[in-house]
Structure formats: C-alpha cells, structure tokens
Amino acid sequence: MLIELVAAVALGFAAAGVALLARRMVPALPRFTVPAVAGLAMIGFGIWSEYTWFDRTSATLPDGIEIVSAPAESAVWRPWSYVNPLVLRFMAVDVEGTRRNEAAPGQALVDVYVINRHGPRARVPVLLDCLELRRADIADGVDFAADGTVSNPDWRPASRDDPLMTAVCGTS
C-alpha cells in the first residue's frame, strides 16, 4: 500500500509537470490547471489500481491454485463502482496440494487462501467430505486419530454447487 501511495504522488508530480509545461505554452490556461491535473491523475491512478488489483494478483498465483470465489462489490464512497463493481477480495484453493486419507474415503484436506485487497491474507485448512457434502474448518481443538482421520470436526453442510466442493470433489 505504501508503494501505491508513493506511485500516486510521483504520478501527481509528473502530471503537474506536464500541465505546467502546457500552461507555459498556452498562457490562457487558468492557474488551477496544474493542481487539477495532478489531482485527477492521482485519483485516476487510484481507480485504475483498485480495478486491476484482482487481475494483477490472481495472475501471480502459482499453478494448482484455483480461484473459487471473487465477489464484486460497490460502495457509496466509490460511486463509479455502482456502474462497474470491483473485486476487493477473493478465495482460492490449493487443488494440487489436496491431501486424502485411505482411512477416510471421500474426504479431502485442502488449504483455502483468503486474499484481501486492504487486509491480511489468511490460509485456512479445510476438511471436505465429498460423499456427505459437508465441510469443516480445521482449527485449534481438532484432534487426529492414529489412522489420520479427524476425530471431532465441526461439520457444516455444503451444497452440491458450492465452488469449493466443485473445485476439490468435482461435484456439480
């Protein structure tokens, strides 16, 4: 975020320089042209950065990571987002890193990544039961039995068309 702030300020100075040159060549331009052009350049950069964040970030994901959810959202302080909503967070799953246990057929342990534009990234281990269509977040307090099965997961139902279940289990 600091890099983007520095980039916006640098772009503002560069745009102000161009506007200053234009004002020197065309003296009829009003005095507010220089700060107005600098401000518009910085606002434009901010908007561009917000709208391209998802594409730039998802392009850097390694092979085997599949995006399962990327909700687009709008906000009052970004009125243009009502015309074209933007993605500020997404959820991805490490499909290649899926771990299965022969003692628990139909179950898969995967890492789910929650990536936010303006917040911390999180890795959440999730246990999926592809046969019973349910899921459980693996957190503190979950015990593993000697055969590697999870002994007390907090199961929650999942639908057949859940993108996470579809990516890992192939259901649809």
N, C-alpha and C. Protein backbone atom coordinates (compact mmCIF):
# COMPACT_ATOMS: atom_id res chain seq x y z
N MET A 1 0.82 -1.18 0.00
CA MET A 1 0.00 0.00 0.00
C MET A 1 0.87 1.25 0.00
N LEU A 2 2.00 1.22 0.69
CA LEU A 2 2.91 2.35 0.71
C LEU A 2 3.48 2.60 -0.69
N ILE A 3 3.77 1.52 -1.40
CA ILE A 3 4.30 1.65 -2.76
C ILE A 3 3.27 2.34 -3.66
N GLU A 4 2.00 1.99 -3.49
CA GLU A 4 0.96 2.63 -4.30
C GLU A 4 0.82 4.11 -3.96
N LEU A 5 0.98 4.46 -2.70
CA LEU A 5 0.92 5.87 -2.31
C LEU A 5 2.07 6.65 -2.94
N VAL A 6 3.27 6.09 -2.88
CA VAL A 6 4.43 6.73 -3.49
C VAL A 6 4.23 6.86 -5.00
N ALA A 7 3.69 5.80 -5.64
CA ALA A 7 3.45 5.85 -7.08
C ALA A 7 2.41 6.91 -7.43
N ALA A 8 1.37 7.05 -6.62
CA ALA A 8 0.34 8.06 -6.89
C ALA A 8 0.91 9.46 -6.76
N VAL A 9 1.72 9.70 -5.74
CA VAL A 9 2.33 11.03 -5.56
C VAL A 9 3.29 11.33 -6.71
N ALA A 10 4.10 10.35 -7.10
CA ALA A 10 5.04 10.54 -8.22
C ALA A 10 4.27 10.84 -9.51
N LEU A 11 3.18 10.13 -9.73
CA LEU A 11 2.36 10.39 -10.91
C LEU A 11 1.75 11.78 -10.85
N GLY A 12 1.33 12.20 -9.66
CA GLY A 12 0.79 13.55 -9.49
C GLY A 12 1.82 14.61 -9.84
N PHE A 13 3.07 14.43 -9.38
CA PHE A 13 4.13 15.38 -9.72
C PHE A 13 4.41 15.38 -11.23
N ALA A 14 4.44 14.20 -11.83
CA ALA A 14 4.70 14.12 -13.27
C ALA A 14 3.58 14.80 -14.06
N ALA A 15 2.34 14.55 -13.68
CA ALA A 15 1.21 15.18 -14.36
C ALA A 15 1.22 16.69 -14.16
N ALA A 16 1.60 17.12 -12.95
CA ALA A 16 1.69 18.55 -12.68
C ALA A 16 2.78 19.18 -13.56
N GLY A 17 3.88 18.48 -13.75
CA GLY A 17 4.94 18.98 -14.63
C GLY A 17 4.48 19.14 -16.06
N VAL A 18 3.74 18.17 -16.55
CA VAL A 18 3.21 18.26 -17.91
C VAL A 18 2.21 19.41 -18.01
N ALA A 19 1.37 19.57 -17.00
CA ALA A 19 0.39 20.66 -17.00
C ALA A 19 1.10 22.02 -16.91
N LEU A 20 2.18 22.07 -16.14
CA LEU A 20 2.94 23.31 -16.04
C LEU A 20 3.56 23.68 -17.39
N LEU A 21 4.10 22.70 -18.09
CA LEU A 21 4.64 22.96 -19.44
C LEU A 21 3.52 23.42 -20.37
N ALA A 22 2.37 22.78 -20.30
CA ALA A 22 1.24 23.18 -21.15
C ALA A 22 0.80 24.61 -20.82
N ARG A 23 0.82 24.97 -19.55
CA ARG A 23 0.43 26.32 -19.14
C ARG A 23 1.44 27.35 -19.61
N ARG A 24 2.72 26.97 -19.66
CA ARG A 24 3.75 27.89 -20.17
C ARG A 24 3.58 28.12 -21.67
N MET A 25 3.19 27.06 -22.39
CA MET A 25 3.00 27.19 -23.84
C MET A 25 1.69 27.89 -24.18
N VAL A 26 0.68 27.69 -23.37
CA VAL A 26 -0.63 28.31 -23.60
C VAL A 26 -0.96 29.15 -22.37
N PRO A 27 -0.56 30.40 -22.34
CA PRO A 27 -0.77 31.24 -21.16
C PRO A 27 -2.23 31.46 -20.82
N ALA A 28 -3.13 31.18 -21.73
CA ALA A 28 -4.55 31.40 -21.46
C ALA A 28 -5.14 30.35 -20.51
N LEU A 29 -4.43 29.28 -20.28
CA LEU A 29 -4.93 28.25 -19.35
C LEU A 29 -5.01 28.82 -17.94
N PRO A 30 -6.06 28.49 -17.20
CA PRO A 30 -6.22 29.05 -15.85
C PRO A 30 -5.16 28.51 -14.89
N ARG A 31 -4.96 29.21 -13.78
CA ARG A 31 -3.93 28.86 -12.81
C ARG A 31 -4.22 27.53 -12.12
N PHE A 32 -5.48 27.17 -11.99
CA PHE A 32 -5.81 25.92 -11.28
C PHE A 32 -5.55 24.68 -12.13
N THR A 33 -5.10 24.85 -13.36
CA THR A 33 -4.87 23.70 -14.25
C THR A 33 -3.84 22.74 -13.65
N VAL A 34 -2.76 23.25 -13.13
CA VAL A 34 -1.67 22.39 -12.63
C VAL A 34 -2.14 21.52 -11.46
N PRO A 35 -2.70 22.09 -10.39
CA PRO A 35 -3.14 21.20 -9.30
C PRO A 35 -4.33 20.32 -9.69
N ALA A 36 -5.19 20.82 -10.59
CA ALA A 36 -6.33 20.00 -11.01
C ALA A 36 -5.86 18.78 -11.79
N VAL A 37 -4.92 18.97 -12.69
CA VAL A 37 -4.40 17.84 -13.47
C VAL A 37 -3.68 16.85 -12.55
N ALA A 38 -2.90 17.36 -11.59
CA ALA A 38 -2.20 16.48 -10.64
C ALA A 38 -3.21 15.67 -9.82
N GLY A 39 -4.24 16.33 -9.32
CA GLY A 39 -5.25 15.63 -8.52
C GLY A 39 -6.01 14.59 -9.33
N LEU A 40 -6.39 14.96 -10.56
CA LEU A 40 -7.11 14.00 -11.41
C LEU A 40 -6.23 12.80 -11.76
N ALA A 41 -4.95 13.04 -11.98
CA ALA A 41 -4.04 11.93 -12.28
C ALA A 41 -3.94 10.97 -11.10
N MET A 42 -3.85 11.52 -9.88
CA MET A 42 -3.75 10.65 -8.70
C MET A 42 -5.05 9.89 -8.45
N ILE A 43 -6.19 10.55 -8.63
CA ILE A 43 -7.48 9.86 -8.47
C ILE A 43 -7.63 8.77 -9.54
N GLY A 44 -7.26 9.11 -10.77
CA GLY A 44 -7.32 8.11 -11.85
C GLY A 44 -6.44 6.91 -11.57
N PHE A 45 -5.24 7.17 -11.05
CA PHE A 45 -4.34 6.06 -10.69
C PHE A 45 -4.95 5.19 -9.61
N GLY A 46 -5.57 5.82 -8.61
CA GLY A 46 -6.21 5.06 -7.54
C GLY A 46 -7.33 4.17 -8.06
N ILE A 47 -8.14 4.72 -8.95
CA ILE A 47 -9.23 3.93 -9.53
C ILE A 47 -8.67 2.79 -10.37
N TRP A 48 -7.67 3.07 -11.20
CA TRP A 48 -7.04 2.03 -12.02
C TRP A 48 -6.48 0.93 -11.13
N SER A 49 -5.81 1.32 -10.06
CA SER A 49 -5.19 0.35 -9.16
C SER A 49 -6.24 -0.55 -8.50
N GLU A 50 -7.36 0.03 -8.09
CA GLU A 50 -8.43 -0.77 -7.47
C GLU A 50 -9.02 -1.76 -8.47
N TYR A 51 -9.28 -1.31 -9.70
CA TYR A 51 -9.93 -2.17 -10.68
C TYR A 51 -9.01 -3.25 -11.23
N THR A 52 -7.72 -3.02 -11.25
CA THR A 52 -6.81 -4.02 -11.82
C THR A 52 -6.17 -4.91 -10.75
N TRP A 53 -6.45 -4.64 -9.47
CA TRP A 53 -5.82 -5.41 -8.39
C TRP A 53 -6.10 -6.91 -8.52
N PHE A 54 -7.35 -7.27 -8.73
CA PHE A 54 -7.70 -8.69 -8.78
C PHE A 54 -6.97 -9.39 -9.92
N ASP A 55 -6.98 -8.81 -11.10
CA ASP A 55 -6.31 -9.44 -12.24
C ASP A 55 -4.80 -9.54 -12.02
N ARG A 56 -4.21 -8.48 -11.48
CA ARG A 56 -2.76 -8.49 -11.23
C ARG A 56 -2.41 -9.52 -10.15
N THR A 57 -3.20 -9.62 -9.10
CA THR A 57 -2.91 -10.54 -8.00
C THR A 57 -3.17 -11.98 -8.41
N SER A 58 -4.28 -12.24 -9.08
CA SER A 58 -4.60 -13.62 -9.47
C SER A 58 -3.61 -14.14 -10.52
N ALA A 59 -3.02 -13.25 -11.30
CA ALA A 59 -2.03 -13.69 -12.30
C ALA A 59 -0.75 -14.18 -11.64
N THR A 60 -0.49 -13.79 -10.40
CA THR A 60 0.74 -14.20 -9.72
C THR A 60 0.57 -15.49 -8.92
N LEU A 61 -0.64 -16.04 -8.88
CA LEU A 61 -0.85 -17.28 -8.13
C LEU A 61 -0.12 -18.43 -8.81
N PRO A 62 0.47 -19.32 -8.04
CA PRO A 62 1.16 -20.46 -8.64
C PRO A 62 0.18 -21.45 -9.28
N ASP A 63 0.72 -22.31 -10.12
CA ASP A 63 -0.10 -23.36 -10.73
C ASP A 63 -0.68 -24.24 -9.64
N GLY A 64 -1.90 -24.72 -9.84
CA GLY A 64 -2.54 -25.58 -8.88
C GLY A 64 -3.43 -24.84 -7.90
N ILE A 65 -3.37 -23.51 -7.91
CA ILE A 65 -4.24 -22.70 -7.06
C ILE A 65 -5.40 -22.25 -7.93
N GLU A 66 -6.61 -22.57 -7.50
CA GLU A 66 -7.82 -22.25 -8.27
C GLU A 66 -8.69 -21.28 -7.49
N ILE A 67 -9.12 -20.21 -8.14
CA ILE A 67 -9.98 -19.23 -7.50
C ILE A 67 -11.39 -19.79 -7.46
N VAL A 68 -12.00 -19.80 -6.26
CA VAL A 68 -13.33 -20.36 -6.11
C VAL A 68 -14.38 -19.29 -5.81
N SER A 69 -13.96 -18.11 -5.39
CA SER A 69 -14.92 -17.05 -5.11
C SER A 69 -14.24 -15.70 -5.26
N ALA A 70 -14.89 -14.80 -5.99
CA ALA A 70 -14.37 -13.44 -6.17
C ALA A 70 -15.56 -12.50 -6.28
N PRO A 71 -16.18 -12.16 -5.14
CA PRO A 71 -17.37 -11.32 -5.20
C PRO A 71 -17.04 -9.87 -5.58
N ALA A 72 -17.82 -9.32 -6.48
CA ALA A 72 -17.68 -7.92 -6.86
C ALA A 72 -18.57 -7.09 -5.95
N GLU A 73 -18.09 -5.93 -5.55
CA GLU A 73 -18.84 -5.12 -4.61
C GLU A 73 -18.83 -3.65 -5.00
N SER A 74 -19.79 -2.93 -4.45
CA SER A 74 -19.93 -1.49 -4.67
C SER A 74 -19.93 -0.79 -3.31
N ALA A 75 -19.61 0.51 -3.34
CA ALA A 75 -19.60 1.28 -2.10
C ALA A 75 -20.00 2.73 -2.39
N VAL A 76 -20.59 3.36 -1.41
CA VAL A 76 -21.05 4.74 -1.55
C VAL A 76 -19.86 5.67 -1.84
N TRP A 77 -18.73 5.45 -1.19
CA TRP A 77 -17.57 6.33 -1.38
C TRP A 77 -16.86 6.08 -2.71
N ARG A 78 -17.30 5.07 -3.44
CA ARG A 78 -16.84 4.82 -4.81
C ARG A 78 -18.06 4.78 -5.72
N PRO A 79 -18.64 5.92 -6.05
CA PRO A 79 -19.89 5.90 -6.82
C PRO A 79 -19.76 5.20 -8.17
N TRP A 80 -18.59 5.22 -8.78
CA TRP A 80 -18.40 4.55 -10.06
C TRP A 80 -18.51 3.03 -9.92
N SER A 81 -18.38 2.51 -8.70
CA SER A 81 -18.47 1.06 -8.51
C SER A 81 -19.90 0.54 -8.64
N TYR A 82 -20.89 1.44 -8.64
CA TYR A 82 -22.27 1.00 -8.90
C TYR A 82 -22.47 0.71 -10.38
N VAL A 83 -21.70 1.38 -11.21
CA VAL A 83 -21.76 1.12 -12.65
C VAL A 83 -20.95 -0.13 -12.99
N ASN A 84 -19.76 -0.22 -12.39
CA ASN A 84 -18.87 -1.36 -12.64
C ASN A 84 -18.28 -1.82 -11.30
N PRO A 85 -18.94 -2.77 -10.60
CA PRO A 85 -18.45 -3.22 -9.29
C PRO A 85 -17.03 -3.80 -9.41
N LEU A 86 -16.28 -3.73 -8.30
CA LEU A 86 -14.91 -4.22 -8.33
C LEU A 86 -14.69 -5.30 -7.29
N VAL A 87 -13.67 -6.12 -7.53
CA VAL A 87 -13.32 -7.23 -6.65
C VAL A 87 -12.21 -6.76 -5.71
N LEU A 88 -12.48 -6.83 -4.41
CA LEU A 88 -11.51 -6.40 -3.40
C LEU A 88 -11.04 -7.55 -2.52
N ARG A 89 -11.57 -8.73 -2.76
CA ARG A 89 -11.16 -9.92 -2.00
C ARG A 89 -11.54 -11.14 -2.81
N PHE A 90 -10.82 -12.21 -2.58
CA PHE A 90 -11.18 -13.47 -3.24
C PHE A 90 -10.69 -14.65 -2.41
N MET A 91 -11.23 -15.80 -2.75
CA MET A 91 -10.89 -17.04 -2.05
C MET A 91 -10.36 -18.02 -3.10
N ALA A 92 -9.24 -18.65 -2.79
CA ALA A 92 -8.63 -19.61 -3.70
C ALA A 92 -8.30 -20.88 -2.93
N VAL A 93 -8.23 -22.00 -3.66
CA VAL A 93 -7.94 -23.29 -3.02
C VAL A 93 -6.75 -23.94 -3.74
N ASP A 94 -5.91 -24.58 -2.95
CA ASP A 94 -4.76 -25.30 -3.49
C ASP A 94 -5.21 -26.69 -3.90
N VAL A 95 -5.63 -26.81 -5.15
CA VAL A 95 -6.17 -28.09 -5.64
C VAL A 95 -5.06 -29.13 -5.77
N GLU A 96 -3.89 -28.71 -6.22
CA GLU A 96 -2.77 -29.65 -6.38
C GLU A 96 -2.28 -30.19 -5.04
N GLY A 97 -2.44 -29.41 -4.00
CA GLY A 97 -1.96 -29.82 -2.68
C GLY A 97 -3.00 -30.57 -1.87
N THR A 98 -4.07 -31.03 -2.51
CA THR A 98 -5.12 -31.76 -1.80
C THR A 98 -4.56 -33.04 -1.19
N ARG A 99 -4.88 -33.26 0.08
CA ARG A 99 -4.42 -34.45 0.78
C ARG A 99 -5.62 -35.34 1.07
N ARG A 100 -5.46 -36.61 0.77
CA ARG A 100 -6.53 -37.59 1.01
C ARG A 100 -5.99 -38.71 1.89
N ASN A 101 -6.91 -39.35 2.61
CA ASN A 101 -6.55 -40.42 3.53
C ASN A 101 -7.39 -41.64 3.19
N GLU A 102 -6.73 -42.77 2.99
CA GLU A 102 -7.46 -44.00 2.64
C GLU A 102 -8.38 -44.46 3.76
N ALA A 103 -8.08 -44.06 5.00
CA ALA A 103 -8.92 -44.44 6.13
C ALA A 103 -10.23 -43.64 6.15
N ALA A 104 -10.29 -42.55 5.40
CA ALA A 104 -11.49 -41.72 5.33
C ALA A 104 -11.82 -41.47 3.86
N PRO A 105 -12.43 -42.46 3.20
CA PRO A 105 -12.73 -42.30 1.78
C PRO A 105 -13.70 -41.14 1.53
N GLY A 106 -13.43 -40.40 0.50
CA GLY A 106 -14.30 -39.28 0.15
C GLY A 106 -13.95 -37.99 0.85
N GLN A 107 -13.00 -38.02 1.78
CA GLN A 107 -12.62 -36.80 2.48
C GLN A 107 -11.32 -36.25 1.89
N ALA A 108 -11.22 -34.93 1.89
CA ALA A 108 -10.03 -34.26 1.37
C ALA A 108 -9.68 -33.09 2.27
N LEU A 109 -8.41 -32.94 2.54
CA LEU A 109 -7.91 -31.82 3.33
C LEU A 109 -7.22 -30.86 2.37
N VAL A 110 -7.69 -29.61 2.32
CA VAL A 110 -7.14 -28.61 1.40
C VAL A 110 -6.81 -27.32 2.15
N ASP A 111 -5.95 -26.54 1.54
CA ASP A 111 -5.65 -25.20 2.06
C ASP A 111 -6.44 -24.20 1.25
N VAL A 112 -7.22 -23.38 1.96
CA VAL A 112 -8.01 -22.32 1.33
C VAL A 112 -7.34 -21.00 1.70
N TYR A 113 -7.12 -20.17 0.69
CA TYR A 113 -6.48 -18.88 0.89
C TYR A 113 -7.52 -17.78 0.73
N VAL A 114 -7.58 -16.91 1.72
CA VAL A 114 -8.47 -15.74 1.67
C VAL A 114 -7.56 -14.53 1.49
N ILE A 115 -7.71 -13.85 0.35
CA ILE A 115 -6.84 -12.75 -0.01
C ILE A 115 -7.66 -11.48 -0.12
N ASN A 116 -7.29 -10.48 0.68
CA ASN A 116 -7.99 -9.20 0.72
C ASN A 116 -7.13 -8.11 0.12
N ARG A 117 -7.77 -7.14 -0.51
CA ARG A 117 -7.05 -6.00 -1.09
C ARG A 117 -6.39 -5.16 -0.01
N HIS A 118 -7.12 -4.84 1.02
CA HIS A 118 -6.61 -3.96 2.07
C HIS A 118 -6.61 -4.66 3.42
N GLY A 119 -6.12 -5.85 3.46
CA GLY A 119 -6.11 -6.58 4.71
C GLY A 119 -5.14 -7.74 4.65
N PRO A 120 -5.04 -8.46 5.75
CA PRO A 120 -4.11 -9.58 5.78
C PRO A 120 -4.61 -10.76 4.95
N ARG A 121 -3.68 -11.56 4.52
CA ARG A 121 -4.02 -12.79 3.81
C ARG A 121 -4.08 -13.91 4.84
N ALA A 122 -4.94 -14.88 4.58
CA ALA A 122 -5.08 -15.98 5.53
C ALA A 122 -5.07 -17.32 4.80
N ARG A 123 -4.50 -18.32 5.45
CA ARG A 123 -4.53 -19.70 4.96
C ARG A 123 -5.33 -20.50 5.96
N VAL A 124 -6.40 -21.12 5.48
CA VAL A 124 -7.29 -21.89 6.36
C VAL A 124 -7.34 -23.33 5.87
N PRO A 125 -6.89 -24.29 6.68
CA PRO A 125 -7.05 -25.69 6.29
C PRO A 125 -8.52 -26.09 6.44
N VAL A 126 -9.06 -26.72 5.41
CA VAL A 126 -10.48 -27.10 5.39
C VAL A 126 -10.58 -28.58 5.04
N LEU A 127 -11.40 -29.29 5.82
CA LEU A 127 -11.67 -30.70 5.56
C LEU A 127 -12.99 -30.79 4.82
N LEU A 128 -12.97 -31.42 3.65
CA LEU A 128 -14.19 -31.58 2.85
C LEU A 128 -14.58 -33.05 2.83
N ASP A 129 -15.86 -33.31 2.98
CA ASP A 129 -16.40 -34.66 2.84
C ASP A 129 -17.20 -34.67 1.54
N CYS A 130 -16.59 -35.21 0.50
CA CYS A 130 -17.20 -35.19 -0.83
C CYS A 130 -18.42 -36.11 -0.93
N LEU A 131 -18.48 -37.14 -0.11
CA LEU A 131 -19.60 -38.08 -0.16
C LEU A 131 -20.82 -37.54 0.59
N GLU A 132 -20.61 -36.92 1.73
CA GLU A 132 -21.71 -36.43 2.56
C GLU A 132 -22.04 -34.96 2.30
N LEU A 133 -21.23 -34.30 1.41
CA LEU A 133 -21.40 -32.88 1.09
C LEU A 133 -21.41 -32.02 2.36
N ARG A 134 -20.27 -32.01 3.02
CA ARG A 134 -20.11 -31.18 4.21
C ARG A 134 -18.65 -30.75 4.30
N ARG A 135 -18.41 -29.72 5.13
CA ARG A 135 -17.06 -29.19 5.27
C ARG A 135 -16.81 -28.79 6.71
N ALA A 136 -15.54 -28.76 7.09
CA ALA A 136 -15.16 -28.35 8.44
C ALA A 136 -13.83 -27.61 8.36
N ASP A 137 -13.78 -26.45 9.00
CA ASP A 137 -12.52 -25.72 9.09
C ASP A 137 -11.67 -26.40 10.15
N ILE A 138 -10.43 -26.66 9.83
CA ILE A 138 -9.51 -27.30 10.77
C ILE A 138 -8.86 -26.19 11.58
N ALA A 139 -9.13 -26.16 12.85
CA ALA A 139 -8.59 -25.13 13.72
C ALA A 139 -8.09 -25.78 15.00
N ASP A 140 -7.68 -24.95 15.93
CA ASP A 140 -7.24 -25.48 17.22
C ASP A 140 -8.38 -26.26 17.86
N GLY A 141 -8.06 -27.35 18.48
CA GLY A 141 -9.06 -28.16 19.15
C GLY A 141 -9.50 -29.36 18.33
N VAL A 142 -9.03 -29.47 17.10
CA VAL A 142 -9.37 -30.63 16.27
C VAL A 142 -8.29 -31.68 16.49
N ASP A 143 -8.71 -32.88 16.78
CA ASP A 143 -7.77 -33.96 17.05
C ASP A 143 -7.74 -34.93 15.89
N PHE A 144 -6.58 -35.49 15.66
CA PHE A 144 -6.42 -36.51 14.63
C PHE A 144 -6.24 -37.86 15.32
N ALA A 145 -6.93 -38.87 14.81
CA ALA A 145 -6.81 -40.22 15.35
C ALA A 145 -5.51 -40.86 14.83
N ALA A 146 -5.21 -42.03 15.32
CA ALA A 146 -3.97 -42.72 14.93
C ALA A 146 -3.93 -43.03 13.44
N ASP A 147 -5.11 -43.28 12.84
CA ASP A 147 -5.13 -43.59 11.40
C ASP A 147 -5.15 -42.34 10.53
N GLY A 148 -5.09 -41.15 11.14
CA GLY A 148 -5.03 -39.91 10.38
C GLY A 148 -6.37 -39.24 10.13
N THR A 149 -7.45 -39.86 10.60
CA THR A 149 -8.76 -39.24 10.41
C THR A 149 -8.98 -38.18 11.48
N VAL A 150 -9.84 -37.24 11.17
CA VAL A 150 -10.17 -36.17 12.12
C VAL A 150 -11.25 -36.70 13.05
N SER A 151 -11.03 -36.57 14.36
CA SER A 151 -11.94 -37.20 15.32
C SER A 151 -13.13 -36.33 15.72
N ASN A 152 -12.98 -35.02 15.75
CA ASN A 152 -14.12 -34.21 16.18
C ASN A 152 -14.28 -32.92 15.36
N PRO A 153 -14.46 -33.04 14.06
CA PRO A 153 -14.62 -31.81 13.26
C PRO A 153 -15.99 -31.18 13.49
N ASP A 154 -16.05 -29.89 13.29
CA ASP A 154 -17.31 -29.15 13.38
C ASP A 154 -17.88 -29.07 11.96
N TRP A 155 -18.62 -30.11 11.58
CA TRP A 155 -19.13 -30.20 10.20
C TRP A 155 -20.22 -29.17 9.95
N ARG A 156 -20.18 -28.60 8.77
CA ARG A 156 -21.25 -27.71 8.28
C ARG A 156 -21.68 -28.22 6.92
N PRO A 157 -22.96 -28.16 6.63
CA PRO A 157 -23.42 -28.66 5.33
C PRO A 157 -22.91 -27.78 4.19
N ALA A 158 -22.69 -28.40 3.06
CA ALA A 158 -22.28 -27.70 1.84
C ALA A 158 -23.19 -28.15 0.71
N SER A 159 -23.44 -27.27 -0.20
CA SER A 159 -24.31 -27.64 -1.32
C SER A 159 -23.48 -28.28 -2.44
N ARG A 160 -24.16 -28.97 -3.29
CA ARG A 160 -23.50 -29.66 -4.40
C ARG A 160 -22.84 -28.67 -5.36
N ASP A 161 -23.40 -27.46 -5.48
CA ASP A 161 -22.84 -26.47 -6.40
C ASP A 161 -21.91 -25.47 -5.70
N ASP A 162 -21.50 -25.76 -4.47
CA ASP A 162 -20.53 -24.92 -3.76
C ASP A 162 -19.23 -24.92 -4.57
N PRO A 163 -18.69 -23.73 -4.91
CA PRO A 163 -17.49 -23.69 -5.74
C PRO A 163 -16.29 -24.42 -5.14
N LEU A 164 -16.18 -24.41 -3.83
CA LEU A 164 -15.08 -25.13 -3.17
C LEU A 164 -15.25 -26.64 -3.35
N MET A 165 -16.46 -27.14 -3.15
CA MET A 165 -16.73 -28.57 -3.33
C MET A 165 -16.51 -28.96 -4.81
N THR A 166 -16.94 -28.11 -5.71
CA THR A 166 -16.77 -28.40 -7.14
C THR A 166 -15.30 -28.46 -7.52
N ALA A 167 -14.51 -27.53 -7.00
CA ALA A 167 -13.08 -27.50 -7.36
C ALA A 167 -12.33 -28.72 -6.83
N VAL A 168 -12.66 -29.16 -5.62
CA VAL A 168 -11.91 -30.26 -5.00
C VAL A 168 -12.52 -31.62 -5.30
N CYS A 169 -13.84 -31.71 -5.19
CA CYS A 169 -14.52 -33.00 -5.32
C CYS A 169 -15.01 -33.29 -6.73
N GLY A 170 -15.16 -32.24 -7.52
CA GLY A 170 -15.67 -32.43 -8.87
C GLY A 170 -17.18 -32.55 -8.91
N THR A 171 -17.88 -32.16 -7.86
CA THR A 171 -19.34 -32.22 -7.85
C THR A 171 -19.91 -31.07 -8.63
N SER A 172 -21.11 -31.25 -9.13
CA SER A 172 -21.83 -30.14 -9.78
C SER A 172 -23.26 -30.53 -10.03
